[in-house]
Structures are given as C-alpha cells and as structure tokens.
C-alpha cells in the first residue's frame, strides 16, 4: 500500500548542496531556471506576431477537431451496453464542441 502524507502543514526543505549531480544540473541550466522564474507571467504566444498566432490558433483548432472527429468515427460502433454508447457519444460531442469554444473563450482579441 502506498502511504502519502495527509494534512501537511509545513514545507520540507531539501538541501541540494551535498548533491554533485544537482549542483551540476543547476549550474548548467541556471540561465533557463532564472528566466523561467522571472517570466512566469509571460505567455508562450507573446513572441509571435499576429500572422503566426493566427496560424498556431488554426492549427490547434484543426487538431482538436480532428481528434474529436476520429472519436466520432465510432459513433455507430457496437458497445457492450447502451450506457457506454451514450457516454461515448456525449464525450465525442464535448470534445468537438469544446475545441472551438476554448479558442473563442481564451482568445485575447
């Protein structure tokens, strides 16, 4: 049985000073670690111009619709029970409908 702590109230600090591999990793990647902590509120698409952002958005939208469409192929497939068939169809509709909704709801323009 896997036991994990519950109701943890205090953080545990782990010292990396005695770990040669950890120090090597930190020294080799310090530039990336610092930039990640400084730019934690910067979004990945801040570096893209409008044309690139549009292309990435349409690619994401297309991939999401393809993903949902592949699941829709099994719309009339045989399922062990009627409940499983209904759950599959609901999941397909949610996948296909949520993809464009996501891009509309979270677009900045």
PDB file of N, CA and C in Angstrom:
ATOM      1  N   UNK A   1       0.843  -1.178   0.000  1.00  0.00           N
ATOM      2  CA  UNK A   1       0.000   0.000   0.000  1.00  0.00           C
ATOM      3  C   UNK A   1       0.883   1.234   0.000  1.00  0.00           C
ATOM      4  N   UNK A   2       0.483   2.239  -0.774  1.00  0.00           N
ATOM      5  CA  UNK A   2       1.260   3.455  -0.888  1.00  0.00           C
ATOM      6  C   UNK A   2       0.714   4.471   0.105  1.00  0.00           C
ATOM      7  N   UNK A   3       1.525   4.857   1.061  1.00  0.00           N
ATOM      8  CA  UNK A   3       1.106   5.835   2.068  1.00  0.00           C
ATOM      9  C   UNK A   3       1.663   7.194   1.685  1.00  0.00           C
ATOM     10  N   UNK A   4       0.834   8.194   1.679  1.00  0.00           N
ATOM     11  CA  UNK A   4       1.294   9.543   1.401  1.00  0.00           C
ATOM     12  C   UNK A   4       0.788  10.461   2.501  1.00  0.00           C
ATOM     13  N   UNK A   5       1.511  11.535   2.779  1.00  0.00           N
ATOM     14  CA  UNK A   5       1.115  12.401   3.889  1.00  0.00           C
ATOM     15  C   UNK A   5      -0.199  13.122   3.604  1.00  0.00           C
ATOM     16  N   UNK A   6      -0.984  13.254   4.642  1.00  0.00           N
ATOM     17  CA  UNK A   6      -2.223  13.999   4.550  1.00  0.00           C
ATOM     18  C   UNK A   6      -2.167  15.150   5.535  1.00  0.00           C
ATOM     19  N   UNK A   7      -2.876  16.213   5.210  1.00  0.00           N
ATOM     20  CA  UNK A   7      -2.941  17.401   6.060  1.00  0.00           C
ATOM     21  C   UNK A   7      -1.551  17.954   6.359  1.00  0.00           C
ATOM     22  N   UNK A   8      -0.681  17.977   5.357  1.00  0.00           N
ATOM     23  CA  UNK A   8       0.651  18.549   5.542  1.00  0.00           C
ATOM     24  C   UNK A   8       0.518  20.044   5.768  1.00  0.00           C
ATOM     25  N   UNK A   9       1.139  20.543   6.808  1.00  0.00           N
ATOM     26  CA  UNK A   9       1.021  21.965   7.143  1.00  0.00           C
ATOM     27  C   UNK A   9       2.335  22.713   7.023  1.00  0.00           C
ATOM     28  N   UNK A  10       3.459  22.004   6.974  1.00  0.00           N
ATOM     29  CA  UNK A  10       4.752  22.665   6.891  1.00  0.00           C
ATOM     30  C   UNK A  10       5.535  22.116   5.698  1.00  0.00           C
ATOM     31  N   UNK A  11       6.199  23.016   4.953  1.00  0.00           N
ATOM     32  CA  UNK A  11       7.007  22.531   3.832  1.00  0.00           C
ATOM     33  C   UNK A  11       8.280  21.849   4.325  1.00  0.00           C
ATOM     34  N   UNK A  12       8.786  20.947   3.523  1.00  0.00           N
ATOM     35  CA  UNK A  12      10.043  20.283   3.828  1.00  0.00           C
ATOM     36  C   UNK A  12      11.087  20.827   2.864  1.00  0.00           C
ATOM     37  N   UNK A  13      12.149  21.404   3.397  1.00  0.00           N
ATOM     38  CA  UNK A  13      13.222  21.951   2.575  1.00  0.00           C
ATOM     39  C   UNK A  13      14.252  20.865   2.317  1.00  0.00           C
ATOM     40  N   UNK A  14      14.581  20.696   1.068  1.00  0.00           N
ATOM     41  CA  UNK A  14      15.569  19.687   0.685  1.00  0.00           C
ATOM     42  C   UNK A  14      16.828  20.419   0.241  1.00  0.00           C
ATOM     43  N   UNK A  15      17.916  20.148   0.904  1.00  0.00           N
ATOM     44  CA  UNK A  15      19.182  20.795   0.582  1.00  0.00           C
ATOM     45  C   UNK A  15      19.832  20.084  -0.596  1.00  0.00           C
ATOM     46  N   UNK A  16      20.214  20.870  -1.587  1.00  0.00           N
ATOM     47  CA  UNK A  16      20.874  20.311  -2.757  1.00  0.00           C
ATOM     48  C   UNK A  16      22.381  20.530  -2.711  1.00  0.00           C
ATOM     49  N   UNK A  17      22.876  21.051  -1.599  1.00  0.00           N
ATOM     50  CA  UNK A  17      24.297  21.392  -1.521  1.00  0.00           C
ATOM     51  C   UNK A  17      25.196  20.161  -1.484  1.00  0.00           C
ATOM     52  N   UNK A  18      24.696  19.036  -1.049  1.00  0.00           N
ATOM     53  CA  UNK A  18      25.522  17.828  -0.975  1.00  0.00           C
ATOM     54  C   UNK A  18      25.320  16.919  -2.179  1.00  0.00           C
ATOM     55  N   UNK A  19      24.633  17.390  -3.179  1.00  0.00           N
ATOM     56  CA  UNK A  19      24.329  16.577  -4.355  1.00  0.00           C
ATOM     57  C   UNK A  19      25.118  17.123  -5.541  1.00  0.00           C
ATOM     58  N   UNK A  20      26.163  16.424  -5.933  1.00  0.00           N
ATOM     59  CA  UNK A  20      27.018  16.888  -7.027  1.00  0.00           C
ATOM     60  C   UNK A  20      26.245  16.937  -8.353  1.00  0.00           C
ATOM     61  N   UNK A  21      25.392  15.944  -8.612  1.00  0.00           N
ATOM     62  CA  UNK A  21      24.606  15.928  -9.843  1.00  0.00           C
ATOM     63  C   UNK A  21      23.623  17.090  -9.881  1.00  0.00           C
ATOM     64  N   UNK A  22      23.021  17.401  -8.720  1.00  0.00           N
ATOM     65  CA  UNK A  22      22.064  18.512  -8.649  1.00  0.00           C
ATOM     66  C   UNK A  22      22.764  19.839  -8.906  1.00  0.00           C
ATOM     67  N   UNK A  23      23.926  20.020  -8.283  1.00  0.00           N
ATOM     68  CA  UNK A  23      24.681  21.260  -8.478  1.00  0.00           C
ATOM     69  C   UNK A  23      25.102  21.405  -9.932  1.00  0.00           C
ATOM     70  N   UNK A  24      25.537  20.320 -10.544  1.00  0.00           N
ATOM     71  CA  UNK A  24      25.928  20.357 -11.959  1.00  0.00           C
ATOM     72  C   UNK A  24      24.732  20.743 -12.823  1.00  0.00           C
ATOM     73  N   UNK A  25      23.563  20.156 -12.555  1.00  0.00           N
ATOM     74  CA  UNK A  25      22.355  20.471 -13.309  1.00  0.00           C
ATOM     75  C   UNK A  25      21.988  21.948 -13.153  1.00  0.00           C
ATOM     76  N   UNK A  26      22.029  22.447 -11.934  1.00  0.00           N
ATOM     77  CA  UNK A  26      21.667  23.849 -11.676  1.00  0.00           C
ATOM     78  C   UNK A  26      22.656  24.786 -12.364  1.00  0.00           C
ATOM     79  N   UNK A  27      23.949  24.477 -12.280  1.00  0.00           N
ATOM     80  CA  UNK A  27      24.955  25.328 -12.918  1.00  0.00           C
ATOM     81  C   UNK A  27      24.807  25.327 -14.435  1.00  0.00           C
ATOM     82  N   UNK A  28      24.530  24.181 -15.009  1.00  0.00           N
ATOM     83  CA  UNK A  28      24.385  24.075 -16.459  1.00  0.00           C
ATOM     84  C   UNK A  28      23.110  24.770 -16.961  1.00  0.00           C
ATOM     85  N   UNK A  29      22.061  24.784 -16.133  1.00  0.00           N
ATOM     86  CA  UNK A  29      20.758  25.297 -16.567  1.00  0.00           C
ATOM     87  C   UNK A  29      20.332  26.550 -15.827  1.00  0.00           C
ATOM     88  N   UNK A  30      21.248  27.234 -15.179  1.00  0.00           N
ATOM     89  CA  UNK A  30      20.867  28.392 -14.372  1.00  0.00           C
ATOM     90  C   UNK A  30      20.219  29.489 -15.212  1.00  0.00           C
ATOM     91  N   UNK A  31      20.691  29.663 -16.446  1.00  0.00           N
ATOM     92  CA  UNK A  31      20.111  30.694 -17.318  1.00  0.00           C
ATOM     93  C   UNK A  31      18.630  30.402 -17.575  1.00  0.00           C
ATOM     94  N   UNK A  32      18.305  29.128 -17.830  1.00  0.00           N
ATOM     95  CA  UNK A  32      16.915  28.757 -18.101  1.00  0.00           C
ATOM     96  C   UNK A  32      16.063  28.815 -16.833  1.00  0.00           C
ATOM     97  N   UNK A  33      16.629  28.403 -15.719  1.00  0.00           N
ATOM     98  CA  UNK A  33      15.888  28.419 -14.462  1.00  0.00           C
ATOM     99  C   UNK A  33      15.567  29.842 -14.040  1.00  0.00           C
ATOM    100  N   UNK A  34      16.538  30.766 -14.202  1.00  0.00           N
ATOM    101  CA  UNK A  34      16.298  32.164 -13.845  1.00  0.00           C
ATOM    102  C   UNK A  34      15.262  32.792 -14.757  1.00  0.00           C
ATOM    103  N   UNK A  35      15.368  32.535 -16.066  1.00  0.00           N
ATOM    104  CA  UNK A  35      14.410  33.139 -16.991  1.00  0.00           C
ATOM    105  C   UNK A  35      13.010  32.569 -16.767  1.00  0.00           C
ATOM    106  N   UNK A  36      12.909  31.314 -16.371  1.00  0.00           N
ATOM    107  CA  UNK A  36      11.592  30.728 -16.112  1.00  0.00           C
ATOM    108  C   UNK A  36      10.945  31.370 -14.902  1.00  0.00           C
ATOM    109  N   UNK A  37      11.728  31.658 -13.867  1.00  0.00           N
ATOM    110  CA  UNK A  37      11.138  32.247 -12.672  1.00  0.00           C
ATOM    111  C   UNK A  37      10.821  33.723 -12.882  1.00  0.00           C
ATOM    112  N   UNK A  38      11.625  34.426 -13.686  1.00  0.00           N
ATOM    113  CA  UNK A  38      11.374  35.848 -13.930  1.00  0.00           C
ATOM    114  C   UNK A  38      10.181  36.063 -14.847  1.00  0.00           C
ATOM    115  N   UNK A  39       9.987  35.185 -15.813  1.00  0.00           N
ATOM    116  CA  UNK A  39       8.941  35.349 -16.818  1.00  0.00           C
ATOM    117  C   UNK A  39       7.761  34.422 -16.564  1.00  0.00           C
ATOM    118  N   UNK A  40       7.434  34.197 -15.325  1.00  0.00           N
ATOM    119  CA  UNK A  40       6.378  33.242 -15.030  1.00  0.00           C
ATOM    120  C   UNK A  40       5.010  33.705 -15.512  1.00  0.00           C
ATOM    121  N   UNK A  41       4.839  35.016 -15.724  1.00  0.00           N
ATOM    122  CA  UNK A  41       3.550  35.500 -16.210  1.00  0.00           C
ATOM    123  C   UNK A  41       3.560  35.750 -17.711  1.00  0.00           C
ATOM    124  N   UNK A  42       4.682  35.516 -18.373  1.00  0.00           N
ATOM    125  CA  UNK A  42       4.754  35.719 -19.813  1.00  0.00           C
ATOM    126  C   UNK A  42       4.149  34.516 -20.519  1.00  0.00           C
ATOM    127  N   UNK A  43       3.287  34.761 -21.469  1.00  0.00           N
ATOM    128  CA  UNK A  43       2.653  33.685 -22.196  1.00  0.00           C
ATOM    129  C   UNK A  43       3.518  33.249 -23.364  1.00  0.00           C
ATOM    130  N   UNK A  44       3.355  32.005 -23.788  1.00  0.00           N
ATOM    131  CA  UNK A  44       4.184  31.474 -24.870  1.00  0.00           C
ATOM    132  C   UNK A  44       3.973  32.217 -26.164  1.00  0.00           C
ATOM    133  N   UNK A  45       2.786  32.784 -26.375  1.00  0.00           N
ATOM    134  CA  UNK A  45       2.489  33.422 -27.652  1.00  0.00           C
ATOM    135  C   UNK A  45       2.851  34.898 -27.675  1.00  0.00           C
ATOM    136  N   UNK A  46       3.491  35.424 -26.624  1.00  0.00           N
ATOM    137  CA  UNK A  46       3.884  36.828 -26.621  1.00  0.00           C
ATOM    138  C   UNK A  46       4.947  37.125 -27.670  1.00  0.00           C
ATOM    139  N   UNK A  47       5.719  36.126 -28.063  1.00  0.00           N
ATOM    140  CA  UNK A  47       6.780  36.333 -29.039  1.00  0.00           C
ATOM    141  C   UNK A  47       6.311  36.175 -30.477  1.00  0.00           C
ATOM    142  N   UNK A  48       5.057  35.830 -30.696  1.00  0.00           N
ATOM    143  CA  UNK A  48       4.550  35.608 -32.041  1.00  0.00           C
ATOM    144  C   UNK A  48       3.871  36.855 -32.577  1.00  0.00           C
ATOM    145  N   UNK A  49       4.035  37.098 -33.873  1.00  0.00           N
ATOM    146  CA  UNK A  49       3.279  38.200 -34.467  1.00  0.00           C
ATOM    147  C   UNK A  49       1.864  37.699 -34.772  1.00  0.00           C
ATOM    148  N   UNK A  50       1.007  38.590 -35.242  1.00  0.00           N
ATOM    149  CA  UNK A  50      -0.403  38.228 -35.445  1.00  0.00           C
ATOM    150  C   UNK A  50      -0.594  37.089 -36.451  1.00  0.00           C
ATOM    151  N   UNK A  51       0.185  37.105 -37.530  1.00  0.00           N
ATOM    152  CA  UNK A  51       0.039  36.050 -38.545  1.00  0.00           C
ATOM    153  C   UNK A  51       0.434  34.696 -37.984  1.00  0.00           C
ATOM    154  N   UNK A  52       1.533  34.649 -37.230  1.00  0.00           N
ATOM    155  CA  UNK A  52       1.972  33.391 -36.633  1.00  0.00           C
ATOM    156  C   UNK A  52       0.972  32.910 -35.586  1.00  0.00           C
ATOM    157  N   UNK A  53       0.450  33.830 -34.787  1.00  0.00           N
ATOM    158  CA  UNK A  53      -0.514  33.463 -33.763  1.00  0.00           C
ATOM    159  C   UNK A  53      -1.793  32.908 -34.389  1.00  0.00           C
ATOM    160  N   UNK A  54      -2.224  33.518 -35.511  1.00  0.00           N
ATOM    161  CA  UNK A  54      -3.399  33.015 -36.214  1.00  0.00           C
ATOM    162  C   UNK A  54      -3.156  31.609 -36.742  1.00  0.00           C
ATOM    163  N   UNK A  55      -1.955  31.378 -37.282  1.00  0.00           N
ATOM    164  CA  UNK A  55      -1.614  30.066 -37.822  1.00  0.00           C
ATOM    165  C   UNK A  55      -1.606  29.011 -36.712  1.00  0.00           C
ATOM    166  N   UNK A  56      -1.013  29.341 -35.582  1.00  0.00           N
ATOM    167  CA  UNK A  56      -0.959  28.401 -34.455  1.00  0.00           C
ATOM    168  C   UNK A  56      -2.369  28.132 -33.924  1.00  0.00           C
ATOM    169  N   UNK A  57      -3.182  29.164 -33.857  1.00  0.00           N
ATOM    170  CA  UNK A  57      -4.553  29.012 -33.371  1.00  0.00           C
ATOM    171  C   UNK A  57      -5.355  28.089 -34.286  1.00  0.00           C
ATOM    172  N   UNK A  58      -5.258  28.296 -35.594  1.00  0.00           N
ATOM    173  CA  UNK A  58      -5.999  27.445 -36.519  1.00  0.00           C
ATOM    174  C   UNK A  58      -5.467  26.019 -36.530  1.00  0.00           C
ATOM    175  N   UNK A  59      -4.151  25.867 -36.356  1.00  0.00           N
ATOM    176  CA  UNK A  59      -3.596  24.518 -36.271  1.00  0.00           C
ATOM    177  C   UNK A  59      -4.132  23.802 -35.034  1.00  0.00           C
ATOM    178  N   UNK A  60      -4.172  24.501 -33.897  1.00  0.00           N
ATOM    179  CA  UNK A  60      -4.709  23.910 -32.668  1.00  0.00           C
ATOM    180  C   UNK A  60      -6.178  23.578 -32.812  1.00  0.00           C
ATOM    181  N   UNK A  61      -6.917  24.483 -33.427  1.00  0.00           N
ATOM    182  CA  UNK A  61      -8.342  24.248 -33.655  1.00  0.00           C
ATOM    183  C   UNK A  61      -8.540  23.045 -34.574  1.00  0.00           C
ATOM    184  N   UNK A  62      -7.766  22.979 -35.643  1.00  0.00           N
ATOM    185  CA  UNK A  62      -7.876  21.857 -36.573  1.00  0.00           C
ATOM    186  C   UNK A  62      -7.511  20.532 -35.921  1.00  0.00           C
ATOM    187  N   UNK A  63      -6.430  20.523 -35.133  1.00  0.00           N
ATOM    188  CA  UNK A  63      -6.027  19.290 -34.462  1.00  0.00           C
ATOM    189  C   UNK A  63      -7.087  18.833 -33.464  1.00  0.00           C
ATOM    190  N   UNK A  64      -7.687  19.773 -32.751  1.00  0.00           N
ATOM    191  CA  UNK A  64      -8.742  19.420 -31.804  1.00  0.00           C
ATOM    192  C   UNK A  64      -9.958  18.836 -32.502  1.00  0.00           C
ATOM    193  N   UNK A  65     -10.310  19.421 -33.640  1.00  0.00           N
ATOM    194  CA  UNK A  65     -11.457  18.901 -34.387  1.00  0.00           C
ATOM    195  C   UNK A  65     -11.151  17.543 -35.016  1.00  0.00           C
ATOM    196  N   UNK A  66      -9.910  17.345 -35.466  1.00  0.00           N
ATOM    197  CA  UNK A  66      -9.519  16.032 -35.995  1.00  0.00           C
ATOM    198  C   UNK A  66      -9.568  14.988 -34.885  1.00  0.00           C
ATOM    199  N   UNK A  67      -9.075  15.360 -33.713  1.00  0.00           N
ATOM    200  CA  UNK A  67      -9.101  14.445 -32.573  1.00  0.00           C
ATOM    201  C   UNK A  67     -10.534  14.032 -32.241  1.00  0.00           C
ATOM    202  N   UNK A  68     -11.428  15.006 -32.194  1.00  0.00           N
ATOM    203  CA  UNK A  68     -12.838  14.696 -31.944  1.00  0.00           C
ATOM    204  C   UNK A  68     -13.458  13.907 -33.079  1.00  0.00           C
ATOM    205  N   UNK A  69     -13.074  14.235 -34.313  1.00  0.00           N
ATOM    206  CA  UNK A  69     -13.605  13.534 -35.472  1.00  0.00           C
ATOM    207  C   UNK A  69     -13.203  12.066 -35.506  1.00  0.00           C
ATOM    208  N   UNK A  70     -11.972  11.788 -35.081  1.00  0.00           N
ATOM    209  CA  UNK A  70     -11.538  10.391 -35.027  1.00  0.00           C
ATOM    210  C   UNK A  70     -12.376   9.595 -34.031  1.00  0.00           C
ATOM    211  N   UNK A  71     -12.754  10.225 -32.949  1.00  0.00           N
ATOM    212  CA  UNK A  71     -13.616   9.550 -31.982  1.00  0.00           C
ATOM    213  C   UNK A  71     -15.052   9.426 -32.513  1.00  0.00           C
ATOM    214  N   UNK A  72     -15.456  10.382 -33.339  1.00  0.00           N
ATOM    215  CA  UNK A  72     -16.812  10.345 -33.894  1.00  0.00           C
ATOM    216  C   UNK A  72     -16.982   9.209 -34.902  1.00  0.00           C
ATOM    217  N   UNK A  73     -15.879   8.690 -35.427  1.00  0.00           N
ATOM    218  CA  UNK A  73     -15.959   7.567 -36.367  1.00  0.00           C
ATOM    219  C   UNK A  73     -16.660   6.381 -35.713  1.00  0.00           C
ATOM    220  N   UNK A  74     -16.492   6.226 -34.410  1.00  0.00           N
ATOM    221  CA  UNK A  74     -17.107   5.099 -33.700  1.00  0.00           C
ATOM    222  C   UNK A  74     -18.513   5.430 -33.193  1.00  0.00           C
ATOM    223  N   UNK A  75     -19.138   6.425 -33.768  1.00  0.00           N
ATOM    224  CA  UNK A  75     -20.473   6.842 -33.320  1.00  0.00           C
ATOM    225  C   UNK A  75     -21.472   5.687 -33.369  1.00  0.00           C
ATOM    226  N   UNK A  76     -21.465   4.929 -34.458  1.00  0.00           N
ATOM    227  CA  UNK A  76     -22.413   3.817 -34.618  1.00  0.00           C
ATOM    228  C   UNK A  76     -21.783   2.455 -34.334  1.00  0.00           C
ATOM    229  N   UNK A  77     -20.649   2.450 -33.669  1.00  0.00           N
ATOM    230  CA  UNK A  77     -19.978   1.184 -33.359  1.00  0.00           C
ATOM    231  C   UNK A  77     -20.777   0.412 -32.310  1.00  0.00           C
ATOM    232  N   UNK A  78     -20.479  -0.870 -32.210  1.00  0.00           N
ATOM    233  CA  UNK A  78     -21.143  -1.708 -31.206  1.00  0.00           C
ATOM    234  C   UNK A  78     -20.472  -1.481 -29.854  1.00  0.00           C
ATOM    235  N   UNK A  79     -21.268  -1.205 -28.843  1.00  0.00           N
ATOM    236  CA  UNK A  79     -20.777  -1.037 -27.477  1.00  0.00           C
ATOM    237  C   UNK A  79     -21.405  -2.121 -26.601  1.00  0.00           C
ATOM    238  N   UNK A  80     -20.705  -2.536 -25.555  1.00  0.00           N
ATOM    239  CA  UNK A  80     -21.246  -3.593 -24.692  1.00  0.00           C
ATOM    240  C   UNK A  80     -22.588  -3.239 -24.054  1.00  0.00           C
ATOM    241  N   UNK A  81     -22.816  -1.962 -23.814  1.00  0.00           N
ATOM    242  CA  UNK A  81     -24.102  -1.573 -23.218  1.00  0.00           C
ATOM    243  C   UNK A  81     -24.563  -0.253 -23.822  1.00  0.00           C
ATOM    244  N   UNK A  82     -25.847   0.012 -23.668  1.00  0.00           N
ATOM    245  CA  UNK A  82     -26.430   1.253 -24.160  1.00  0.00           C
ATOM    246  C   UNK A  82     -25.836   2.455 -23.433  1.00  0.00           C
ATOM    247  N   UNK A  83     -25.569   2.309 -22.143  1.00  0.00           N
ATOM    248  CA  UNK A  83     -24.991   3.401 -21.345  1.00  0.00           C
ATOM    249  C   UNK A  83     -23.619   3.784 -21.890  1.00  0.00           C
ATOM    250  N   UNK A  84     -22.799   2.792 -22.236  1.00  0.00           N
ATOM    251  CA  UNK A  84     -21.474   3.082 -22.780  1.00  0.00           C
ATOM    252  C   UNK A  84     -21.567   3.789 -24.129  1.00  0.00           C
ATOM    253  N   UNK A  85     -22.540   3.411 -24.932  1.00  0.00           N
ATOM    254  CA  UNK A  85     -22.742   4.071 -26.213  1.00  0.00           C
ATOM    255  C   UNK A  85     -23.113   5.540 -26.014  1.00  0.00           C
ATOM    256  N   UNK A  86     -24.002   5.806 -25.073  1.00  0.00           N
ATOM    257  CA  UNK A  86     -24.416   7.193 -24.793  1.00  0.00           C
ATOM    258  C   UNK A  86     -23.235   7.994 -24.234  1.00  0.00           C
ATOM    259  N   UNK A  87     -22.463   7.387 -23.322  1.00  0.00           N
ATOM    260  CA  UNK A  87     -21.292   8.084 -22.769  1.00  0.00           C
ATOM    261  C   UNK A  87     -20.273   8.405 -23.860  1.00  0.00           C
ATOM    262  N   UNK A  88     -20.073   7.481 -24.785  1.00  0.00           N
ATOM    263  CA  UNK A  88     -19.139   7.718 -25.888  1.00  0.00           C
ATOM    264  C   UNK A  88     -19.626   8.888 -26.744  1.00  0.00           C
ATOM    265  N   UNK A  89     -20.897   8.892 -27.063  1.00  0.00           N
ATOM    266  CA  UNK A  89     -21.444   9.958 -27.908  1.00  0.00           C
ATOM    267  C   UNK A  89     -21.385  11.313 -27.203  1.00  0.00           C
ATOM    268  N   UNK A  90     -21.675  11.327 -25.913  1.00  0.00           N
ATOM    269  CA  UNK A  90     -21.573  12.587 -25.152  1.00  0.00           C
ATOM    270  C   UNK A  90     -20.132  13.074 -25.145  1.00  0.00           C
ATOM    271  N   UNK A  91     -19.183  12.158 -24.950  1.00  0.00           N
ATOM    272  CA  UNK A  91     -17.770  12.536 -24.934  1.00  0.00           C
ATOM    273  C   UNK A  91     -17.343  13.099 -26.286  1.00  0.00           C
ATOM    274  N   UNK A  92     -17.806  12.504 -27.374  1.00  0.00           N
ATOM    275  CA  UNK A  92     -17.475  12.996 -28.714  1.00  0.00           C
ATOM    276  C   UNK A  92     -18.002  14.415 -28.900  1.00  0.00           C
ATOM    277  N   UNK A  93     -19.239  14.648 -28.511  1.00  0.00           N
ATOM    278  CA  UNK A  93     -19.831  15.980 -28.657  1.00  0.00           C
ATOM    279  C   UNK A  93     -19.073  16.992 -27.796  1.00  0.00           C
ATOM    280  N   UNK A  94     -18.704  16.609 -26.589  1.00  0.00           N
ATOM    281  CA  UNK A  94     -17.967  17.519 -25.704  1.00  0.00           C
ATOM    282  C   UNK A  94     -16.599  17.844 -26.296  1.00  0.00           C
ATOM    283  N   UNK A  95     -15.898  16.852 -26.819  1.00  0.00           N
ATOM    284  CA  UNK A  95     -14.582  17.095 -27.415  1.00  0.00           C
ATOM    285  C   UNK A  95     -14.697  18.047 -28.603  1.00  0.00           C
ATOM    286  N   UNK A  96     -15.634  17.770 -29.488  1.00  0.00           N
ATOM    287  CA  UNK A  96     -15.758  18.593 -30.693  1.00  0.00           C
ATOM    288  C   UNK A  96     -16.263  19.989 -30.352  1.00  0.00           C
ATOM    289  N   UNK A  97     -17.206  20.111 -29.438  1.00  0.00           N
ATOM    290  CA  UNK A  97     -17.753  21.424 -29.103  1.00  0.00           C
ATOM    291  C   UNK A  97     -16.810  22.247 -28.237  1.00  0.00           C
ATOM    292  N   UNK A  98     -16.026  21.585 -27.399  1.00  0.00           N
ATOM    293  CA  UNK A  98     -15.150  22.350 -26.509  1.00  0.00           C
ATOM    294  C   UNK A  98     -13.942  22.918 -27.227  1.00  0.00           C
ATOM    295  N   UNK A  99     -13.530  22.317 -28.329  1.00  0.00           N
ATOM    296  CA  UNK A  99     -12.356  22.812 -29.043  1.00  0.00           C
ATOM    297  C   UNK A  99     -12.560  24.229 -29.561  1.00  0.00           C
ATOM    298  N   UNK A 100     -13.585  24.515 -30.362  1.00  0.00           N
ATOM    299  CA  UNK A 100     -13.754  25.908 -30.796  1.00  0.00           C
ATOM    300  C   UNK A 100     -14.126  26.829 -29.635  1.00  0.00           C
ATOM    301  N   UNK A 101     -14.860  26.310 -28.657  1.00  0.00           N
ATOM    302  CA  UNK A 101     -15.217  27.133 -27.501  1.00  0.00           C
ATOM    303  C   UNK A 101     -13.969  27.605 -26.769  1.00  0.00           C
ATOM    304  N   UNK A 102     -12.997  26.710 -26.620  1.00  0.00           N
ATOM    305  CA  UNK A 102     -11.748  27.067 -25.942  1.00  0.00           C
ATOM    306  C   UNK A 102     -11.053  28.217 -26.660  1.00  0.00           C
ATOM    307  N   UNK A 103     -10.955  28.130 -27.980  1.00  0.00           N
ATOM    308  CA  UNK A 103     -10.259  29.169 -28.725  1.00  0.00           C
ATOM    309  C   UNK A 103     -11.027  30.481 -28.741  1.00  0.00           C
ATOM    310  N   UNK A 104     -12.345  30.429 -28.717  1.00  0.00           N
ATOM    311  CA  UNK A 104     -13.137  31.660 -28.653  1.00  0.00           C
ATOM    312  C   UNK A 104     -13.070  32.274 -27.257  1.00  0.00           C
ATOM    313  N   UNK A 105     -13.197  31.447 -26.231  1.00  0.00           N
ATOM    314  CA  UNK A 105     -13.245  31.942 -24.863  1.00  0.00           C
ATOM    315  C   UNK A 105     -11.906  32.497 -24.395  1.00  0.00           C
ATOM    316  N   UNK A 106     -10.809  31.904 -24.842  1.00  0.00           N
ATOM    317  CA  UNK A 106      -9.498  32.306 -24.328  1.00  0.00           C
ATOM    318  C   UNK A 106      -8.678  33.112 -25.313  1.00  0.00           C
ATOM    319  N   UNK A 107      -9.267  33.525 -26.424  1.00  0.00           N
ATOM    320  CA  UNK A 107      -8.515  34.377 -27.349  1.00  0.00           C
ATOM    321  C   UNK A 107      -8.467  35.776 -26.774  1.00  0.00           C
ATOM    322  N   UNK A 108      -7.362  36.442 -27.026  1.00  0.00           N
ATOM    323  CA  UNK A 108      -7.160  37.786 -26.462  1.00  0.00           C
ATOM    324  C   UNK A 108      -7.761  38.874 -27.319  1.00  0.00           C
ATOM    325  N   UNK A 109      -8.022  38.573 -28.582  1.00  0.00           N
ATOM    326  CA  UNK A 109      -8.530  39.620 -29.470  1.00  0.00           C
ATOM    327  C   UNK A 109     -10.018  39.614 -29.514  1.00  0.00           C
TER     328      UNK A 109
END
